[in-house]
Structures are given as C-alpha cells and as structure tokens.
C-alpha cells in the first residue's frame, strides 16, 4: 500500500485538496503556530480569570469586553478557551508521541528480525487493533476514574497498531533495497545501519502519520470530555466546554459551544492539511 493510499483513508478530502496549494499549507502552519502559542501561554494571555463567576452577564453575547461572550455561569468564554487549549492540545501530543515511539520500536524489531518475532508482533498488533480506541479509552476511565490520564494512556496504546503497521511495511521495503545489502557486506554494524540509515528513511512517513494521528487523538479526547469522562469541572477544555453549552444553544446563546467547536475543527483541519502535505512529500521522496 502506498503512502497516498494510506493518506486517502486517513485525511479528509478537503485537507488533501487544500494541501496541494502552498499558500494554504503556509496558512495551516500559521494556524498551528498560533494554537501552540495559545496552548503554551494561554493562562498568561487570558484577559479574565477563567474560574471567576459572573465576570459578565449570564450567556452574554460576544463583544469588546468578552470576545467570545460569557457562559451560563457568567465566566469569560475566551479566557476559558485559552486556558483549556493546554489540555486540548497537549494531551493529543502525548498520545501521538507515545504511540509513535512504541509503534516504531515494534515495527523496527519486526522488520529487522523477521520470522517468528515479526509474527508475534503482528498478532499483538492485530489484537490491539481489534478494539476501537474510543472504546478502550472509555473502559480505562471506568477502571481508573475520570480525568485525562486514563484516556491518554488508553489511546496511546490503541494508536500503536496504525503506526506499527505503516512503519513495519516501510522498514521492510527499505531493508530490501540494494544499499542495505551493500552496507552489510561492508561490515557496517547493525546498530549503525538501523540508526544512521533505516530510521532517517522512515522519518517522513512517521511524521506524516503523527500529523494525521494528532487530529484523530484530538477528536477522540474531545469526545471523551464531551461525555464528561475527561477533564473535570471547573478545569476547562474544549470538549467539556462544548458539552456544557448545549443548553445555551437551545436558549439562543450558542457561544459557549460554538467557539470551542470552531477551535477544534480549525486545529484538526490545519493538522490535516500539514499532514497531507508531508504525506505527498514523503511519497514523492520514496519514488
């Protein structure tokens, strides 16, 4: 399976089309840079205390005093969105990093040794892959309690098979190339071949998968928080803010749900565009 085929199954069509235009890719990178700054410095940039009640009217509309309006307890939605960016952005990053580290390690081990080692790893990967990540996360919350820790660990495990399968296929293909055989003939050590040649060759593919995986992790964690199983009140994150604002939508005050939802969609779309661009570059490099 080519990198393009993998991307077609993982990246929304709009992101793939947008990635063909360099200016949109640049815009996506800019959006991600802004989101990263908000996640890092949101607590400093917040104009109001995100936990202070009745800083403005209940379900107040967006305006100069409150850029995103106020929620059902009179708290500033913009400040809560800034502070909530930390959990909403960094939790998916942790999921992607952990799943990538373990997935690539399993892939390299299976591709390098082959035989029964590869078979055992394949069976383990198939077992994990059989259970949807969101189900694993909900089960983890049921066992270990509400909060972000259990879902993050569960999703990190659930995402390992995707990374492992993709990386092992790419690693096996790379190991089969003539220059690898030439390196062995020259007496280059296995460690040098692995870390100086094989791992760098996998970087573009793994980077593309990390970008795609981040979008899925953010959506899954937002869904978990939306269900009330993730970040617990009064600590904000985008998923729980969307859930808390449902009553306001019916009452004609959708700001509490709409603005965090826009942040989630924009972030995932921007990551998808960047991931599609990296995927296209990796495929072109692989030819």
C-alpha atoms as a PDB file:
ATOM      1  CA  UNK A   1       0.000   0.000   0.000  1.00  0.00           C
ATOM      2  CA  UNK A   2       1.434   3.367  -0.994  1.00  0.00           C
ATOM      3  CA  UNK A   3       1.635   6.424   1.224  1.00  0.00           C
ATOM      4  CA  UNK A   4      -1.007   8.116  -0.927  1.00  0.00           C
ATOM      5  CA  UNK A   5      -3.465   5.254  -0.345  1.00  0.00           C
ATOM      6  CA  UNK A   6      -2.904   5.452   3.400  1.00  0.00           C
ATOM      7  CA  UNK A   7      -3.490   9.196   3.339  1.00  0.00           C
ATOM      8  CA  UNK A   8      -6.702   8.785   1.358  1.00  0.00           C
ATOM      9  CA  UNK A   9      -8.106   6.685   4.153  1.00  0.00           C
ATOM     10  CA  UNK A  10      -6.947   8.935   6.963  1.00  0.00           C
ATOM     11  CA  UNK A  11      -7.081  12.554   5.821  1.00  0.00           C
ATOM     12  CA  UNK A  12     -10.334  14.328   4.965  1.00  0.00           C
ATOM     13  CA  UNK A  13     -10.721  15.129   1.284  1.00  0.00           C
ATOM     14  CA  UNK A  14     -10.802  18.840   1.940  1.00  0.00           C
ATOM     15  CA  UNK A  15      -7.418  18.662   3.654  1.00  0.00           C
ATOM     16  CA  UNK A  16      -5.877  16.708   0.776  1.00  0.00           C
ATOM     17  CA  UNK A  17      -7.113  19.214  -1.789  1.00  0.00           C
ATOM     18  CA  UNK A  18      -6.001  22.163   0.297  1.00  0.00           C
ATOM     19  CA  UNK A  19      -2.525  20.703   0.778  1.00  0.00           C
ATOM     20  CA  UNK A  20      -1.907  20.987  -2.981  1.00  0.00           C
ATOM     21  CA  UNK A  21      -1.807  24.766  -2.622  1.00  0.00           C
ATOM     22  CA  UNK A  22       1.312  26.014  -0.904  1.00  0.00           C
ATOM     23  CA  UNK A  23      -0.364  29.135   0.443  1.00  0.00           C
ATOM     24  CA  UNK A  24      -2.952  27.033   2.248  1.00  0.00           C
ATOM     25  CA  UNK A  25      -0.217  24.866   3.730  1.00  0.00           C
ATOM     26  CA  UNK A  26       1.508  28.031   4.924  1.00  0.00           C
ATOM     27  CA  UNK A  27      -1.780  29.267   6.384  1.00  0.00           C
ATOM     28  CA  UNK A  28      -2.241  25.921   8.165  1.00  0.00           C
ATOM     29  CA  UNK A  29       1.257  26.150   9.641  1.00  0.00           C
ATOM     30  CA  UNK A  30       0.474  29.674  10.818  1.00  0.00           C
ATOM     31  CA  UNK A  31      -2.730  28.498  12.481  1.00  0.00           C
ATOM     32  CA  UNK A  32      -0.855  25.686  14.221  1.00  0.00           C
ATOM     33  CA  UNK A  33       1.789  28.127  15.424  1.00  0.00           C
ATOM     34  CA  UNK A  34      -0.931  30.363  16.896  1.00  0.00           C
ATOM     35  CA  UNK A  35      -2.633  27.373  18.550  1.00  0.00           C
ATOM     36  CA  UNK A  36       0.722  26.274  20.004  1.00  0.00           C
ATOM     37  CA  UNK A  37       1.295  29.755  21.460  1.00  0.00           C
ATOM     38  CA  UNK A  38      -2.202  29.729  22.971  1.00  0.00           C
ATOM     39  CA  UNK A  39      -1.591  26.307  24.494  1.00  0.00           C
ATOM     40  CA  UNK A  40       1.752  27.400  25.957  1.00  0.00           C
ATOM     41  CA  UNK A  41       0.806  30.854  27.192  1.00  0.00           C
ATOM     42  CA  UNK A  42      -2.995  30.707  27.455  1.00  0.00           C
ATOM     43  CA  UNK A  43      -3.019  31.207  31.210  1.00  0.00           C
ATOM     44  CA  UNK A  44      -0.941  34.383  30.794  1.00  0.00           C
ATOM     45  CA  UNK A  45      -2.883  35.731  27.811  1.00  0.00           C
ATOM     46  CA  UNK A  46      -6.341  35.159  29.320  1.00  0.00           C
ATOM     47  CA  UNK A  47      -7.923  38.605  29.965  1.00  0.00           C
ATOM     48  CA  UNK A  48     -10.110  37.273  32.803  1.00  0.00           C
ATOM     49  CA  UNK A  49      -9.878  34.617  35.457  1.00  0.00           C
ATOM     50  CA  UNK A  50     -11.379  31.550  33.729  1.00  0.00           C
ATOM     51  CA  UNK A  51     -12.816  30.307  37.029  1.00  0.00           C
ATOM     52  CA  UNK A  52     -14.334  33.591  38.243  1.00  0.00           C
ATOM     53  CA  UNK A  53     -18.127  33.516  38.246  1.00  0.00           C
ATOM     54  CA  UNK A  54     -20.252  36.329  36.893  1.00  0.00           C
ATOM     55  CA  UNK A  55     -17.495  38.406  35.339  1.00  0.00           C
ATOM     56  CA  UNK A  56     -20.230  39.355  32.896  1.00  0.00           C
ATOM     57  CA  UNK A  57     -23.903  38.623  32.227  1.00  0.00           C
ATOM     58  CA  UNK A  58     -25.101  35.023  32.077  1.00  0.00           C
ATOM     59  CA  UNK A  59     -24.927  33.721  28.492  1.00  0.00           C
ATOM     60  CA  UNK A  60     -23.707  37.125  27.343  1.00  0.00           C
ATOM     61  CA  UNK A  61     -23.080  37.725  23.650  1.00  0.00           C
ATOM     62  CA  UNK A  62     -19.641  38.278  22.152  1.00  0.00           C
ATOM     63  CA  UNK A  63     -18.380  41.847  22.398  1.00  0.00           C
ATOM     64  CA  UNK A  64     -15.441  44.066  23.235  1.00  0.00           C
ATOM     65  CA  UNK A  65     -15.499  43.167  26.939  1.00  0.00           C
ATOM     66  CA  UNK A  66     -15.856  39.430  26.302  1.00  0.00           C
ATOM     67  CA  UNK A  67     -14.621  38.408  22.858  1.00  0.00           C
ATOM     68  CA  UNK A  68     -16.426  35.045  22.892  1.00  0.00           C
ATOM     69  CA  UNK A  69     -19.200  36.103  25.265  1.00  0.00           C
ATOM     70  CA  UNK A  70     -19.897  34.561  28.669  1.00  0.00           C
ATOM     71  CA  UNK A  71     -21.189  31.132  29.648  1.00  0.00           C
ATOM     72  CA  UNK A  72     -24.124  30.012  31.781  1.00  0.00           C
ATOM     73  CA  UNK A  73     -22.234  30.989  34.951  1.00  0.00           C
ATOM     74  CA  UNK A  74     -21.069  34.354  33.654  1.00  0.00           C
ATOM     75  CA  UNK A  75     -17.473  33.183  33.069  1.00  0.00           C
ATOM     76  CA  UNK A  76     -15.478  34.610  30.167  1.00  0.00           C
ATOM     77  CA  UNK A  77     -15.534  32.022  27.375  1.00  0.00           C
ATOM     78  CA  UNK A  78     -12.462  33.437  25.629  1.00  0.00           C
ATOM     79  CA  UNK A  79     -10.356  33.089  28.787  1.00  0.00           C
ATOM     80  CA  UNK A  80     -11.631  29.554  29.375  1.00  0.00           C
ATOM     81  CA  UNK A  81     -10.861  28.623  25.773  1.00  0.00           C
ATOM     82  CA  UNK A  82      -7.299  29.942  26.117  1.00  0.00           C
ATOM     83  CA  UNK A  83      -6.681  28.057  29.360  1.00  0.00           C
ATOM     84  CA  UNK A  84      -8.435  24.957  28.004  1.00  0.00           C
ATOM     85  CA  UNK A  85      -6.118  24.938  24.987  1.00  0.00           C
ATOM     86  CA  UNK A  86      -3.370  23.462  27.141  1.00  0.00           C
ATOM     87  CA  UNK A  87      -5.237  20.241  27.878  1.00  0.00           C
ATOM     88  CA  UNK A  88      -6.930  20.132  24.470  1.00  0.00           C
ATOM     89  CA  UNK A  89      -3.651  20.399  22.539  1.00  0.00           C
ATOM     90  CA  UNK A  90      -1.002  18.795  24.731  1.00  0.00           C
ATOM     91  CA  UNK A  91      -3.000  15.660  25.576  1.00  0.00           C
ATOM     92  CA  UNK A  92      -3.195  14.637  21.875  1.00  0.00           C
ATOM     93  CA  UNK A  93       0.522  15.422  21.533  1.00  0.00           C
ATOM     94  CA  UNK A  94       1.296  12.984  24.349  1.00  0.00           C
ATOM     95  CA  UNK A  95      -0.899  10.333  22.685  1.00  0.00           C
ATOM     96  CA  UNK A  96       0.873  10.760  19.358  1.00  0.00           C
ATOM     97  CA  UNK A  97       4.382  10.750  20.847  1.00  0.00           C
ATOM     98  CA  UNK A  98       3.812   7.652  22.983  1.00  0.00           C
ATOM     99  CA  UNK A  99       2.066   5.676  20.241  1.00  0.00           C
ATOM    100  CA  UNK A 100       4.761   6.633  17.731  1.00  0.00           C
ATOM    101  CA  UNK A 101       7.660   5.649  19.998  1.00  0.00           C
ATOM    102  CA  UNK A 102       6.209   2.232  20.819  1.00  0.00           C
ATOM    103  CA  UNK A 103       4.794   1.658  17.331  1.00  0.00           C
ATOM    104  CA  UNK A 104       8.069   2.429  15.555  1.00  0.00           C
ATOM    105  CA  UNK A 105      10.004   0.313  18.067  1.00  0.00           C
ATOM    106  CA  UNK A 106       7.763  -2.683  17.381  1.00  0.00           C
ATOM    107  CA  UNK A 107       7.950  -2.061  13.635  1.00  0.00           C
ATOM    108  CA  UNK A 108      11.745  -1.895  13.555  1.00  0.00           C
ATOM    109  CA  UNK A 109      12.025  -5.008  15.704  1.00  0.00           C
ATOM    110  CA  UNK A 110       9.660  -6.974  13.483  1.00  0.00           C
ATOM    111  CA  UNK A 111      11.201  -5.780  10.216  1.00  0.00           C
ATOM    112  CA  UNK A 112      14.779  -6.335  11.391  1.00  0.00           C
ATOM    113  CA  UNK A 113      14.441  -9.832  12.863  1.00  0.00           C
ATOM    114  CA  UNK A 114      11.551 -11.135  10.752  1.00  0.00           C
ATOM    115  CA  UNK A 115      10.454 -14.752  11.215  1.00  0.00           C
ATOM    116  CA  UNK A 116       8.642 -15.667  14.412  1.00  0.00           C
ATOM    117  CA  UNK A 117       9.482 -12.308  16.002  1.00  0.00           C
ATOM    118  CA  UNK A 118       7.603 -10.496  13.250  1.00  0.00           C
ATOM    119  CA  UNK A 119       4.743 -12.989  13.583  1.00  0.00           C
ATOM    120  CA  UNK A 120       4.369 -12.442  17.340  1.00  0.00           C
ATOM    121  CA  UNK A 121       4.431  -8.670  16.916  1.00  0.00           C
ATOM    122  CA  UNK A 122       1.854  -8.899  14.134  1.00  0.00           C
ATOM    123  CA  UNK A 123      -0.503 -10.898  16.378  1.00  0.00           C
ATOM    124  CA  UNK A 124      -0.105  -8.398  19.234  1.00  0.00           C
ATOM    125  CA  UNK A 125      -0.803  -5.527  16.849  1.00  0.00           C
ATOM    126  CA  UNK A 126      -3.880  -7.317  15.465  1.00  0.00           C
ATOM    127  CA  UNK A 127      -5.195  -7.876  18.996  1.00  0.00           C
ATOM    128  CA  UNK A 128      -4.878  -4.187  19.904  1.00  0.00           C
ATOM    129  CA  UNK A 129      -6.249  -3.099  16.529  1.00  0.00           C
ATOM    130  CA  UNK A 130      -9.416  -5.192  17.026  1.00  0.00           C
ATOM    131  CA  UNK A 131     -10.734  -2.838  19.745  1.00  0.00           C
ATOM    132  CA  UNK A 132     -11.625   0.760  18.766  1.00  0.00           C
ATOM    133  CA  UNK A 133      -9.546   3.385  20.551  1.00  0.00           C
ATOM    134  CA  UNK A 134     -12.550   5.278  21.913  1.00  0.00           C
ATOM    135  CA  UNK A 135     -13.932   2.100  23.481  1.00  0.00           C
ATOM    136  CA  UNK A 136     -10.546   1.388  25.098  1.00  0.00           C
ATOM    137  CA  UNK A 137     -10.475   4.931  26.490  1.00  0.00           C
ATOM    138  CA  UNK A 138     -13.982   4.655  27.967  1.00  0.00           C
ATOM    139  CA  UNK A 139     -13.081   1.308  29.570  1.00  0.00           C
ATOM    140  CA  UNK A 140      -9.924   2.877  31.026  1.00  0.00           C
ATOM    141  CA  UNK A 141     -11.993   5.675  32.567  1.00  0.00           C
ATOM    142  CA  UNK A 142     -14.384   3.107  34.032  1.00  0.00           C
ATOM    143  CA  UNK A 143     -11.447   1.275  35.642  1.00  0.00           C
ATOM    144  CA  UNK A 144      -9.244   4.159  36.772  1.00  0.00           C
ATOM    145  CA  UNK A 145     -11.646   7.065  37.154  1.00  0.00           C
ATOM    146  CA  UNK A 146     -12.433  10.243  35.265  1.00  0.00           C
ATOM    147  CA  UNK A 147      -9.722  12.602  34.039  1.00  0.00           C
ATOM    148  CA  UNK A 148      -7.302  12.872  31.159  1.00  0.00           C
ATOM    149  CA  UNK A 149      -4.629  10.435  32.364  1.00  0.00           C
ATOM    150  CA  UNK A 150      -6.516   7.188  31.717  1.00  0.00           C
ATOM    151  CA  UNK A 151      -7.838   8.182  28.239  1.00  0.00           C
ATOM    152  CA  UNK A 152      -4.405   9.442  27.159  1.00  0.00           C
ATOM    153  CA  UNK A 153      -2.708   6.175  28.128  1.00  0.00           C
ATOM    154  CA  UNK A 154      -5.511   4.093  26.591  1.00  0.00           C
ATOM    155  CA  UNK A 155      -5.487   5.991  23.288  1.00  0.00           C
ATOM    156  CA  UNK A 156      -1.690   5.823  23.181  1.00  0.00           C
ATOM    157  CA  UNK A 157      -1.946   2.033  23.288  1.00  0.00           C
ATOM    158  CA  UNK A 158      -4.868   1.935  20.836  1.00  0.00           C
ATOM    159  CA  UNK A 159      -2.970   4.005  18.235  1.00  0.00           C
ATOM    160  CA  UNK A 160       0.150   1.811  18.300  1.00  0.00           C
ATOM    161  CA  UNK A 161      -1.088  -0.663  15.612  1.00  0.00           C
ATOM    162  CA  UNK A 162      -1.579   2.037  12.969  1.00  0.00           C
ATOM    163  CA  UNK A 163       1.947   3.374  13.453  1.00  0.00           C
ATOM    164  CA  UNK A 164       3.446  -0.121  13.727  1.00  0.00           C
ATOM    165  CA  UNK A 165       1.861  -1.460  10.539  1.00  0.00           C
ATOM    166  CA  UNK A 166       2.777   1.557   8.471  1.00  0.00           C
ATOM    167  CA  UNK A 167       6.330   1.726   9.827  1.00  0.00           C
ATOM    168  CA  UNK A 168       6.982  -2.001   9.511  1.00  0.00           C
ATOM    169  CA  UNK A 169       5.882  -2.034   5.877  1.00  0.00           C
ATOM    170  CA  UNK A 170       8.113   0.944   5.101  1.00  0.00           C
ATOM    171  CA  UNK A 171      11.031  -0.518   7.096  1.00  0.00           C
ATOM    172  CA  UNK A 172      10.793  -3.909   5.362  1.00  0.00           C
ATOM    173  CA  UNK A 173      10.788  -2.174   1.974  1.00  0.00           C
ATOM    174  CA  UNK A 174      13.802  -0.072   2.935  1.00  0.00           C
ATOM    175  CA  UNK A 175      15.733  -3.085   4.248  1.00  0.00           C
ATOM    176  CA  UNK A 176      15.171  -4.820   0.923  1.00  0.00           C
ATOM    177  CA  UNK A 177      16.946  -2.113  -1.068  1.00  0.00           C
ATOM    178  CA  UNK A 178      20.402  -2.849  -2.550  1.00  0.00           C
ATOM    179  CA  UNK A 179      22.242  -0.257  -0.474  1.00  0.00           C
ATOM    180  CA  UNK A 180      21.252  -2.078   2.709  1.00  0.00           C
ATOM    181  CA  UNK A 181      22.842  -5.276   1.436  1.00  0.00           C
ATOM    182  CA  UNK A 182      25.931  -3.290   0.453  1.00  0.00           C
ATOM    183  CA  UNK A 183      26.209  -1.871   3.965  1.00  0.00           C
ATOM    184  CA  UNK A 184      26.088  -5.367   5.447  1.00  0.00           C
ATOM    185  CA  UNK A 185      28.757  -6.601   3.031  1.00  0.00           C
ATOM    186  CA  UNK A 186      30.990  -3.680   4.025  1.00  0.00           C
ATOM    187  CA  UNK A 187      30.745  -4.819   7.649  1.00  0.00           C
ATOM    188  CA  UNK A 188      28.703  -1.879   8.938  1.00  0.00           C
ATOM    189  CA  UNK A 189      27.238  -2.757  12.340  1.00  0.00           C
ATOM    190  CA  UNK A 190      23.537  -3.456  12.733  1.00  0.00           C
ATOM    191  CA  UNK A 191      23.125  -0.509  15.093  1.00  0.00           C
ATOM    192  CA  UNK A 192      24.719   1.873  12.585  1.00  0.00           C
ATOM    193  CA  UNK A 193      22.533   0.588   9.753  1.00  0.00           C
ATOM    194  CA  UNK A 194      19.429   0.954  11.903  1.00  0.00           C
ATOM    195  CA  UNK A 195      20.015   4.391  13.388  1.00  0.00           C
ATOM    196  CA  UNK A 196      22.040   6.051  10.617  1.00  0.00           C
ATOM    197  CA  UNK A 197      20.151   4.784   7.597  1.00  0.00           C
ATOM    198  CA  UNK A 198      16.879   2.992   8.389  1.00  0.00           C
ATOM    199  CA  UNK A 199      15.419   5.359  10.986  1.00  0.00           C
ATOM    200  CA  UNK A 200      16.135   8.556   8.954  1.00  0.00           C
ATOM    201  CA  UNK A 201      14.465   6.937   5.936  1.00  0.00           C
ATOM    202  CA  UNK A 202      11.296   6.415   7.980  1.00  0.00           C
ATOM    203  CA  UNK A 203      11.127   9.964   9.375  1.00  0.00           C
ATOM    204  CA  UNK A 204       8.948  11.500   6.583  1.00  0.00           C
ATOM    205  CA  UNK A 205       6.428   8.652   6.732  1.00  0.00           C
ATOM    206  CA  UNK A 206       6.269   8.654  10.526  1.00  0.00           C
ATOM    207  CA  UNK A 207       5.968  12.457  10.608  1.00  0.00           C
ATOM    208  CA  UNK A 208       3.007  12.316   8.235  1.00  0.00           C
ATOM    209  CA  UNK A 209       1.326   9.663  10.364  1.00  0.00           C
ATOM    210  CA  UNK A 210       1.942  11.708  13.518  1.00  0.00           C
ATOM    211  CA  UNK A 211       0.181  14.703  11.978  1.00  0.00           C
ATOM    212  CA  UNK A 212      -2.780  12.562  10.964  1.00  0.00           C
ATOM    213  CA  UNK A 213      -2.855  10.793  14.330  1.00  0.00           C
ATOM    214  CA  UNK A 214      -2.900  14.098  16.191  1.00  0.00           C
ATOM    215  CA  UNK A 215      -6.179  15.057  14.538  1.00  0.00           C
ATOM    216  CA  UNK A 216      -7.804  11.767  15.473  1.00  0.00           C
ATOM    217  CA  UNK A 217      -6.457  11.948  19.026  1.00  0.00           C
ATOM    218  CA  UNK A 218      -7.820  15.472  19.481  1.00  0.00           C
ATOM    219  CA  UNK A 219     -11.256  14.425  18.251  1.00  0.00           C
ATOM    220  CA  UNK A 220     -11.306  11.311  20.448  1.00  0.00           C
ATOM    221  CA  UNK A 221     -10.231  13.212  23.558  1.00  0.00           C
ATOM    222  CA  UNK A 222     -12.738  15.980  22.834  1.00  0.00           C
ATOM    223  CA  UNK A 223     -15.444  13.319  22.529  1.00  0.00           C
ATOM    224  CA  UNK A 224     -14.389  11.791  25.856  1.00  0.00           C
ATOM    225  CA  UNK A 225     -14.513  15.198  27.555  1.00  0.00           C
ATOM    226  CA  UNK A 226     -17.846  15.880  25.869  1.00  0.00           C
ATOM    227  CA  UNK A 227     -19.198  12.750  27.548  1.00  0.00           C
ATOM    228  CA  UNK A 228     -17.964  14.053  30.902  1.00  0.00           C
ATOM    229  CA  UNK A 229     -15.220  11.424  31.253  1.00  0.00           C
ATOM    230  CA  UNK A 230     -12.174  13.596  30.572  1.00  0.00           C
ATOM    231  CA  UNK A 231     -11.145  16.946  32.049  1.00  0.00           C
ATOM    232  CA  UNK A 232     -13.357  17.575  35.066  1.00  0.00           C
ATOM    233  CA  UNK A 233     -15.039  20.888  36.011  1.00  0.00           C
ATOM    234  CA  UNK A 234     -14.199  23.575  36.770  1.00  0.00           C
ATOM    235  CA  UNK A 235     -10.995  22.985  34.738  1.00  0.00           C
ATOM    236  CA  UNK A 236     -11.808  23.860  31.128  1.00  0.00           C
ATOM    237  CA  UNK A 237     -11.038  22.053  27.936  1.00  0.00           C
ATOM    238  CA  UNK A 238     -12.691  22.420  24.555  1.00  0.00           C
ATOM    239  CA  UNK A 239     -14.669  19.174  24.653  1.00  0.00           C
ATOM    240  CA  UNK A 240     -16.199  19.807  28.081  1.00  0.00           C
ATOM    241  CA  UNK A 241     -16.986  23.414  27.113  1.00  0.00           C
ATOM    242  CA  UNK A 242     -18.902  22.200  24.068  1.00  0.00           C
ATOM    243  CA  UNK A 243     -20.914  19.831  26.269  1.00  0.00           C
ATOM    244  CA  UNK A 244     -21.616  22.485  28.911  1.00  0.00           C
ATOM    245  CA  UNK A 245     -23.013  24.852  26.287  1.00  0.00           C
ATOM    246  CA  UNK A 246     -25.697  22.511  24.903  1.00  0.00           C
ATOM    247  CA  UNK A 247     -28.463  24.111  26.924  1.00  0.00           C
ATOM    248  CA  UNK A 248     -27.357  27.532  25.730  1.00  0.00           C
ATOM    249  CA  UNK A 249     -27.810  26.511  22.098  1.00  0.00           C
ATOM    250  CA  UNK A 250     -31.490  25.823  22.717  1.00  0.00           C
ATOM    251  CA  UNK A 251     -31.804  29.079  24.663  1.00  0.00           C
ATOM    252  CA  UNK A 252     -30.338  31.080  21.776  1.00  0.00           C
ATOM    253  CA  UNK A 253     -26.871  31.552  23.308  1.00  0.00           C
ATOM    254  CA  UNK A 254     -24.623  29.116  21.378  1.00  0.00           C
ATOM    255  CA  UNK A 255     -21.315  30.885  22.076  1.00  0.00           C
ATOM    256  CA  UNK A 256     -20.202  28.512  24.828  1.00  0.00           C
ATOM    257  CA  UNK A 257     -20.339  25.539  22.443  1.00  0.00           C
ATOM    258  CA  UNK A 258     -19.695  27.172  19.083  1.00  0.00           C
ATOM    259  CA  UNK A 259     -16.358  28.862  19.740  1.00  0.00           C
ATOM    260  CA  UNK A 260     -14.607  25.823  21.306  1.00  0.00           C
ATOM    261  CA  UNK A 261     -16.041  23.671  18.496  1.00  0.00           C
ATOM    262  CA  UNK A 262     -14.585  26.063  15.915  1.00  0.00           C
ATOM    263  CA  UNK A 263     -11.196  25.825  17.644  1.00  0.00           C
ATOM    264  CA  UNK A 264     -11.300  22.016  17.486  1.00  0.00           C
ATOM    265  CA  UNK A 265     -12.329  21.972  13.817  1.00  0.00           C
ATOM    266  CA  UNK A 266      -9.769  24.589  12.768  1.00  0.00           C
ATOM    267  CA  UNK A 267      -6.954  22.817  14.623  1.00  0.00           C
ATOM    268  CA  UNK A 268      -7.787  19.383  13.210  1.00  0.00           C
ATOM    269  CA  UNK A 269      -8.185  20.770   9.693  1.00  0.00           C
ATOM    270  CA  UNK A 270      -4.873  22.635   9.902  1.00  0.00           C
ATOM    271  CA  UNK A 271      -3.085  19.499  11.106  1.00  0.00           C
ATOM    272  CA  UNK A 272      -4.773  17.517   8.318  1.00  0.00           C
ATOM    273  CA  UNK A 273      -3.525  19.951   5.677  1.00  0.00           C
ATOM    274  CA  UNK A 274       0.018  19.811   7.028  1.00  0.00           C
ATOM    275  CA  UNK A 275      -0.159  16.023   7.309  1.00  0.00           C
ATOM    276  CA  UNK A 276      -1.370  15.698   3.718  1.00  0.00           C
ATOM    277  CA  UNK A 277       1.466  17.938   2.542  1.00  0.00           C
ATOM    278  CA  UNK A 278       4.048  15.885   4.413  1.00  0.00           C
ATOM    279  CA  UNK A 279       2.475  12.686   3.061  1.00  0.00           C
ATOM    280  CA  UNK A 280       2.708  13.946  -0.519  1.00  0.00           C
ATOM    281  CA  UNK A 281       6.315  14.950   0.039  1.00  0.00           C
ATOM    282  CA  UNK A 282       7.137  11.540   1.559  1.00  0.00           C
ATOM    283  CA  UNK A 283       5.546   9.735  -1.400  1.00  0.00           C
ATOM    284  CA  UNK A 284       7.471  11.858  -3.884  1.00  0.00           C
ATOM    285  CA  UNK A 285      10.713  11.227  -1.978  1.00  0.00           C
ATOM    286  CA  UNK A 286      10.008   7.483  -1.955  1.00  0.00           C
ATOM    287  CA  UNK A 287       9.766   7.254  -5.741  1.00  0.00           C
END
